[in-house]
Amino acid sequence: MDYFIALNQILILFLLIGVGYFARRIKILNDTSISSLSKFLLHICIPAMIVYSMQIPFTSDVFQTGEYLVLAAFAYYGIAFLVAWVAPILMRAKKEEYGVFRFMLMFSNSMFMGFPILSMLYGQDAIFYAAIFNIPFTLLTYSIGIWILKAHEKGNGKLSFDPKLLLNPAFLSTILGLVFFMTSISIPDPIYSSLGLLNDITTPLSLVVTGAFLAQLKFTSIFKNVRQYIVAAIRLLAMPAITFAVFSQVITNPLVLGIIVVTAGMPAAVNTVLLAEEHKAHPDIAAQGVCISTLLCLITLPLIAMLLTG
C-alpha cells in the first residue's frame, strides 16, 4: 500500500474534524446545534446509511461467503469484547472511563477508514464483502455497544441493561436491511437515491460533530490523559496482532483474513462520540480517544499493510 495514499485518507478525516473544531470555536455551532446534529445523525442519517449499504443482490454464492464472513465477524467481536472488558481494569482506569474505553477497544472506524484501505489492498471487490462483514458491527454497536457505554453510568460499578435500548433507529434499520437482503426486495429508486444522499453526508457530518466536541476541550487536555495512549496502542497494535495470530491459523483466504485484520487495526469508531453524547457517557473522553487513535494510525496502518501483503 502506498504510504501517501493512506496519509491522504487520514488527512481527509482530520480536515473534516478541523472544520467542526473551527466552526465551534467561532460560534457558528453551539451546544444546541451540536446536540441537534447528533440526534439527526443517530436517528436519520445512520439508519439511512445502514439500509442503503445493505441493498446487495442475493445469490447462493454471496450468501455462503457472507455467512462465513458474518460468523468470522462474530468470532472477532467475541475476542474484542474480552479484550475490551479486561483492559480498563488492568489499566486502572477511572470508573467513568470504563464504558468509553471499552467501546473504543471493541469497535473501530471500519467504514470510513477501513473500506478505503481494503480497496487499496485488495481492489474494489473487497468493499462488497467488507459491507457484509460490517453487519455484526451494526448489530452489536447499537445493542451491546450502548450497554457497554451505559454500564457504569451511575458510577457505582453495577451493570445495568434496558431491553428498550434495542428499540433504537439504527438497530431497527439493520433488521429491516437484513429482511430486504434476504428477500431480495429492492427499494424504489426515488427512495433509494434519497437514502444514498443521506448515506453520503453521514461520515463527513459525523466528523464535523466530532471536531465540535473537541472544541469544548482545552487543546492541551486532549493529549494529557496517559490512559488514552494505552487504549490507542491496544486498539491499533494489539487488536490486529491478536486477530492475525488467531485467524491466520484457520483462514487461508487472504481477502477474508485481510478484512478481519484491517477492521481490527482501525482507529476508534467515530460514532463513539455520537453515542456517548446521546447517552451522556462522557463524550469528551470519547472525542479525545477518537482524535488520538486516528492520529496514531498514521504510523500503524503501514505496519498492518506490510503484515498482510508481505
Protein backbone atom coordinates (compact mmCIF):
# COMPACT_ATOMS: atom_id res chain seq x y z
CA MET A 1 0.00 0.00 0.00
CA ASP A 2 1.29 3.45 -0.92
CA TYR A 3 2.09 5.28 2.31
CA PHE A 4 0.95 8.61 0.85
CA ILE A 5 -2.43 7.19 -0.22
CA ALA A 6 -3.05 6.14 3.39
CA LEU A 7 -1.85 9.54 4.55
CA ASN A 8 -4.33 11.21 2.20
CA GLN A 9 -7.28 9.30 3.72
CA ILE A 10 -6.22 10.24 7.24
CA LEU A 11 -5.76 13.90 6.31
CA ILE A 12 -9.29 13.99 4.83
CA LEU A 13 -10.63 12.73 8.13
CA PHE A 14 -8.64 15.25 10.16
CA LEU A 15 -9.59 18.18 7.92
CA LEU A 16 -13.28 17.46 8.47
CA ILE A 17 -12.72 17.17 12.22
CA GLY A 18 -10.91 20.52 11.93
CA VAL A 19 -13.93 22.08 10.21
CA GLY A 20 -16.12 21.14 13.17
CA TYR A 21 -13.50 22.36 15.62
CA PHE A 22 -13.21 25.73 13.84
CA ALA A 23 -16.97 26.16 13.44
CA ARG A 24 -17.45 25.64 17.18
CA ARG A 25 -14.63 27.98 18.09
CA ILE A 26 -16.04 30.86 16.02
CA LYS A 27 -19.53 30.11 17.35
CA ILE A 28 -21.15 29.05 14.08
CA LEU A 29 -22.05 25.91 16.03
CA ASN A 30 -23.14 25.94 19.66
CA ASP A 31 -24.27 23.41 22.27
CA THR A 32 -27.84 23.33 20.98
CA SER A 33 -26.93 22.91 17.30
CA ILE A 34 -24.36 20.19 18.05
CA SER A 35 -26.89 18.27 20.12
CA SER A 36 -29.43 18.57 17.29
CA LEU A 37 -26.92 17.43 14.68
CA SER A 38 -26.02 14.42 16.83
CA LYS A 39 -29.67 13.41 17.06
CA PHE A 40 -30.11 13.95 13.32
CA LEU A 41 -27.17 11.64 12.63
CA LEU A 42 -28.27 8.92 15.05
CA HIS A 43 -31.96 8.93 14.16
CA ILE A 44 -31.94 9.78 10.44
CA CYS A 45 -28.56 9.59 8.67
CA ILE A 46 -27.08 6.45 10.20
CA PRO A 47 -30.27 4.36 9.77
CA ALA A 48 -30.44 5.54 6.14
CA MET A 49 -26.79 4.57 5.61
CA ILE A 50 -27.41 1.11 7.08
CA VAL A 51 -30.40 0.32 4.87
CA TYR A 52 -28.67 1.76 1.80
CA SER A 53 -25.46 -0.26 2.32
CA MET A 54 -27.42 -3.50 2.70
CA GLN A 55 -29.12 -3.25 -0.70
CA ILE A 56 -26.97 -6.10 -2.03
CA PRO A 57 -28.16 -8.63 -4.66
CA PHE A 58 -28.83 -12.03 -3.10
CA THR A 59 -27.19 -15.12 -4.67
CA SER A 60 -26.26 -18.52 -3.21
CA ASP A 61 -22.51 -17.82 -3.59
CA VAL A 62 -22.85 -14.44 -1.94
CA PHE A 63 -24.92 -15.98 0.83
CA GLN A 64 -22.31 -18.70 1.53
CA THR A 65 -19.40 -16.26 1.56
CA GLY A 66 -21.45 -13.78 3.55
CA GLU A 67 -22.44 -16.43 6.06
CA TYR A 68 -18.77 -17.31 6.52
CA LEU A 69 -17.83 -13.65 6.96
CA VAL A 70 -20.63 -13.00 9.45
CA LEU A 71 -19.55 -15.99 11.56
CA ALA A 72 -15.96 -14.75 11.43
CA ALA A 73 -17.13 -11.28 12.43
CA PHE A 74 -18.97 -12.56 15.49
CA ALA A 75 -15.89 -14.58 16.47
CA TYR A 76 -13.75 -11.45 16.10
CA TYR A 77 -16.12 -9.35 18.21
CA GLY A 78 -16.12 -12.09 20.85
CA ILE A 79 -12.35 -11.69 21.14
CA ALA A 80 -12.64 -7.91 21.04
CA PHE A 81 -15.23 -7.95 23.81
CA LEU A 82 -12.94 -9.96 26.10
CA VAL A 83 -10.01 -7.63 25.45
CA ALA A 84 -12.18 -4.53 25.87
CA TRP A 85 -13.68 -5.77 29.12
CA VAL A 86 -10.38 -6.64 30.80
CA ALA A 87 -8.15 -3.81 29.53
CA PRO A 88 -9.63 -0.87 31.53
CA ILE A 89 -9.38 -2.92 34.73
CA LEU A 90 -5.70 -3.73 34.11
CA MET A 91 -5.10 -0.07 33.19
CA ARG A 92 -6.68 1.01 36.46
CA ALA A 93 -8.90 3.40 34.57
CA LYS A 94 -11.41 5.56 36.38
CA LYS A 95 -14.90 4.09 36.62
CA GLU A 96 -16.32 6.85 34.43
CA GLU A 97 -13.80 5.91 31.71
CA TYR A 98 -14.74 2.22 31.60
CA GLY A 99 -17.65 2.49 29.18
CA VAL A 100 -15.99 4.75 26.61
CA PHE A 101 -12.66 2.87 26.71
CA ARG A 102 -14.41 -0.46 26.26
CA PHE A 103 -16.46 0.85 23.37
CA MET A 104 -13.37 2.26 21.64
CA LEU A 105 -11.49 -1.00 22.07
CA MET A 106 -14.32 -3.13 20.74
CA PHE A 107 -15.49 -1.01 17.81
CA SER A 108 -13.24 0.51 15.16
CA ASN A 109 -13.70 3.01 12.33
CA SER A 110 -14.35 0.13 9.94
CA MET A 111 -16.22 2.05 7.24
CA PHE A 112 -14.65 5.45 6.59
CA MET A 113 -11.06 4.31 7.23
CA GLY A 114 -11.38 0.55 6.79
CA PHE A 115 -13.18 0.45 3.44
CA PRO A 116 -10.69 2.69 1.55
CA ILE A 117 -7.70 0.79 2.96
CA LEU A 118 -9.23 -2.55 1.94
CA SER A 119 -9.88 -1.17 -1.52
CA MET A 120 -6.22 -0.17 -1.81
CA LEU A 121 -5.01 -3.58 -0.67
CA TYR A 122 -7.44 -5.90 -2.45
CA GLY A 123 -9.36 -3.88 -5.03
CA GLN A 124 -12.92 -2.61 -5.24
CA ASP A 125 -14.45 -6.09 -4.84
CA ALA A 126 -13.29 -6.08 -1.22
CA ILE A 127 -15.84 -3.39 -0.35
CA PHE A 128 -18.79 -5.66 -1.06
CA TYR A 129 -17.56 -8.33 1.36
CA ALA A 130 -16.43 -5.72 3.88
CA ALA A 131 -20.02 -4.45 3.95
CA ILE A 132 -21.23 -7.95 4.79
CA PHE A 133 -18.57 -8.29 7.50
CA ASN A 134 -19.77 -4.96 8.85
CA ILE A 135 -23.32 -6.25 9.54
CA PRO A 136 -22.44 -7.62 13.02
CA PHE A 137 -20.71 -4.29 13.76
CA THR A 138 -24.04 -2.52 13.35
CA LEU A 139 -25.99 -5.13 15.30
CA LEU A 140 -23.52 -5.10 18.19
CA THR A 141 -22.79 -1.36 18.24
CA TYR A 142 -26.40 -0.46 18.83
CA SER A 143 -27.09 -3.23 21.35
CA ILE A 144 -24.08 -4.42 23.35
CA GLY A 145 -22.22 -1.22 22.48
CA ILE A 146 -24.84 1.02 24.07
CA TRP A 147 -24.98 -1.31 27.07
CA ILE A 148 -21.19 -1.01 27.48
CA LEU A 149 -21.39 2.79 27.40
CA LYS A 150 -24.19 2.89 29.98
CA ALA A 151 -23.00 0.04 32.21
CA HIS A 152 -21.22 2.29 34.71
CA GLU A 153 -23.27 5.42 34.21
CA LYS A 154 -24.15 5.68 37.90
CA GLY A 155 -20.51 5.44 38.93
CA ASN A 156 -21.14 2.53 41.30
CA GLY A 157 -19.72 -0.20 39.07
CA LYS A 158 -23.05 -2.02 38.78
CA LEU A 159 -24.06 -3.28 35.38
CA SER A 160 -27.46 -2.41 34.01
CA PHE A 161 -29.22 -3.22 30.76
CA ASP A 162 -32.55 -1.97 29.48
CA PRO A 163 -34.02 -4.10 26.66
CA LYS A 164 -35.60 -0.89 25.32
CA LEU A 165 -32.11 0.04 24.11
CA LEU A 166 -32.71 -2.33 21.20
CA LEU A 167 -35.62 -0.16 20.06
CA ASN A 168 -33.33 2.45 18.52
CA PRO A 169 -33.46 3.53 14.86
CA ALA A 170 -30.04 2.13 13.92
CA PHE A 171 -30.71 -1.34 15.30
CA LEU A 172 -34.20 -1.50 13.81
CA SER A 173 -32.93 -0.30 10.44
CA THR A 174 -30.34 -3.10 10.50
CA ILE A 175 -33.11 -5.66 10.95
CA LEU A 176 -35.03 -4.01 8.09
CA GLY A 177 -31.94 -4.07 5.90
CA LEU A 178 -31.40 -7.78 6.61
CA VAL A 179 -35.01 -8.52 5.66
CA PHE A 180 -34.55 -6.66 2.37
CA PHE A 181 -31.29 -8.54 1.69
CA MET A 182 -32.68 -12.00 2.45
CA THR A 183 -35.86 -11.43 0.44
CA SER A 184 -34.15 -9.55 -2.42
CA ILE A 185 -36.53 -6.62 -2.01
CA SER A 186 -35.24 -3.61 -3.95
CA ILE A 187 -36.07 -0.15 -2.67
CA PRO A 188 -37.75 2.02 -5.38
CA ASP A 189 -35.35 4.47 -6.97
CA PRO A 190 -36.63 7.79 -5.58
CA ILE A 191 -36.34 6.42 -2.04
CA TYR A 192 -33.08 4.58 -2.76
CA SER A 193 -31.48 7.72 -4.21
CA SER A 194 -32.59 9.74 -1.19
CA LEU A 195 -31.07 7.14 1.13
CA GLY A 196 -27.89 7.34 -0.93
CA LEU A 197 -27.65 11.10 -0.45
CA LEU A 198 -28.15 10.72 3.31
CA ASN A 199 -25.50 7.98 3.26
CA ASP A 200 -23.07 10.37 1.55
CA ILE A 201 -23.35 13.05 4.25
CA THR A 202 -23.21 10.71 7.27
CA THR A 203 -19.44 10.29 7.52
CA PRO A 204 -18.42 13.93 6.94
CA LEU A 205 -21.14 15.23 9.25
CA SER A 206 -20.08 12.73 11.94
CA LEU A 207 -16.52 14.01 11.69
CA VAL A 208 -17.62 17.64 11.87
CA VAL A 209 -19.62 16.87 15.03
CA THR A 210 -16.57 15.12 16.49
CA GLY A 211 -14.49 18.23 15.86
CA ALA A 212 -17.14 20.38 17.51
CA PHE A 213 -16.98 18.20 20.63
CA LEU A 214 -13.19 18.57 20.67
CA ALA A 215 -13.57 22.35 20.55
CA GLN A 216 -15.15 22.21 24.01
CA LEU A 217 -11.87 20.93 25.43
CA LYS A 218 -8.65 22.75 26.09
CA PHE A 219 -6.34 21.70 23.26
CA THR A 220 -3.64 20.53 25.65
CA SER A 221 -6.14 18.44 27.63
CA ILE A 222 -6.78 16.25 24.58
CA PHE A 223 -3.31 14.75 24.90
CA LYS A 224 -2.88 14.72 28.69
CA ASN A 225 -4.72 11.51 29.57
CA VAL A 226 -1.98 8.85 29.53
CA ARG A 227 -4.55 6.05 29.52
CA GLN A 228 -5.77 7.25 26.10
CA TYR A 229 -2.39 6.27 24.63
CA ILE A 230 -2.62 2.81 26.18
CA VAL A 231 -6.11 2.39 24.71
CA ALA A 232 -4.81 3.58 21.32
CA ALA A 233 -1.90 1.10 21.46
CA ILE A 234 -4.29 -1.76 22.19
CA ARG A 235 -6.74 -0.56 19.51
CA LEU A 236 -4.11 -0.05 16.78
CA LEU A 237 -1.45 -2.67 17.54
CA ALA A 238 -2.59 -5.33 19.99
CA MET A 239 -6.02 -5.95 18.41
CA PRO A 240 -4.75 -6.56 14.84
CA ALA A 241 -1.83 -8.63 16.17
CA ILE A 242 -4.12 -10.85 18.26
CA THR A 243 -6.60 -11.10 15.40
CA PHE A 244 -3.92 -12.09 12.89
CA ALA A 245 -2.43 -14.66 15.27
CA VAL A 246 -5.83 -16.31 15.86
CA PHE A 247 -7.48 -16.16 12.43
CA SER A 248 -4.41 -16.89 10.29
CA GLN A 249 -4.48 -20.40 11.79
CA VAL A 250 -7.95 -21.15 10.41
CA ILE A 251 -8.48 -18.81 7.43
CA THR A 252 -6.50 -19.30 4.22
CA ASN A 253 -8.38 -16.82 2.04
CA PRO A 254 -6.19 -13.66 2.06
CA LEU A 255 -9.16 -11.38 1.35
CA VAL A 256 -11.23 -12.69 4.25
CA LEU A 257 -8.23 -12.57 6.59
CA GLY A 258 -7.39 -9.06 5.38
CA ILE A 259 -10.90 -7.78 6.04
CA ILE A 260 -10.77 -9.04 9.63
CA VAL A 261 -7.26 -7.75 10.39
CA VAL A 262 -7.77 -4.34 8.75
CA THR A 263 -11.02 -3.89 10.68
CA ALA A 264 -9.19 -4.80 13.89
CA GLY A 265 -6.45 -2.25 13.21
CA MET A 266 -8.58 0.82 12.52
CA PRO A 267 -8.81 3.73 14.99
CA ALA A 268 -11.76 4.16 17.36
CA ALA A 269 -15.15 4.45 15.66
CA VAL A 270 -16.34 7.99 15.01
CA ASN A 271 -19.80 7.13 16.32
CA THR A 272 -18.23 6.61 19.75
CA VAL A 273 -18.63 10.36 20.22
CA LEU A 274 -22.19 10.45 18.89
CA LEU A 275 -23.40 7.59 21.09
CA ALA A 276 -21.52 8.89 24.12
CA GLU A 277 -23.27 12.24 23.67
CA GLU A 278 -26.65 10.59 23.12
CA HIS A 279 -26.36 8.53 26.31
CA LYS A 280 -24.48 11.10 28.42
CA ALA A 281 -21.44 8.81 28.69
CA HIS A 282 -18.57 11.31 28.67
CA PRO A 283 -18.36 12.42 25.01
CA ASP A 284 -15.27 14.47 25.94
CA ILE A 285 -13.34 11.27 26.72
CA ALA A 286 -14.69 9.72 23.52
CA ALA A 287 -13.59 12.72 21.42
CA GLN A 288 -10.09 12.55 22.93
CA GLY A 289 -9.83 8.85 22.11
CA VAL A 290 -11.05 9.21 18.53
CA CYS A 291 -8.62 12.08 17.91
CA ILE A 292 -5.56 10.34 19.41
CA SER A 293 -6.18 6.91 17.87
CA THR A 294 -6.82 8.46 14.45
CA LEU A 295 -3.63 10.49 14.66
CA LEU A 296 -1.52 7.50 15.69
CA CYS A 297 -2.94 5.25 12.96
CA LEU A 298 -0.75 7.27 10.59
CA ILE A 299 2.11 5.18 11.98
CA THR A 300 0.37 1.83 12.45
CA LEU A 301 -1.53 1.47 9.14
CA PRO A 302 1.62 0.94 7.03
CA LEU A 303 2.70 -1.76 9.52
CA ILE A 304 -0.63 -3.57 9.07
CA ALA A 305 -0.32 -3.31 5.29
CA MET A 306 3.18 -4.83 5.40
CA LEU A 307 1.91 -7.62 7.66
CA LEU A 308 -0.86 -8.53 5.19
CA THR A 309 0.99 -8.06 1.90
CA GLY A 310 4.42 -9.30 2.97
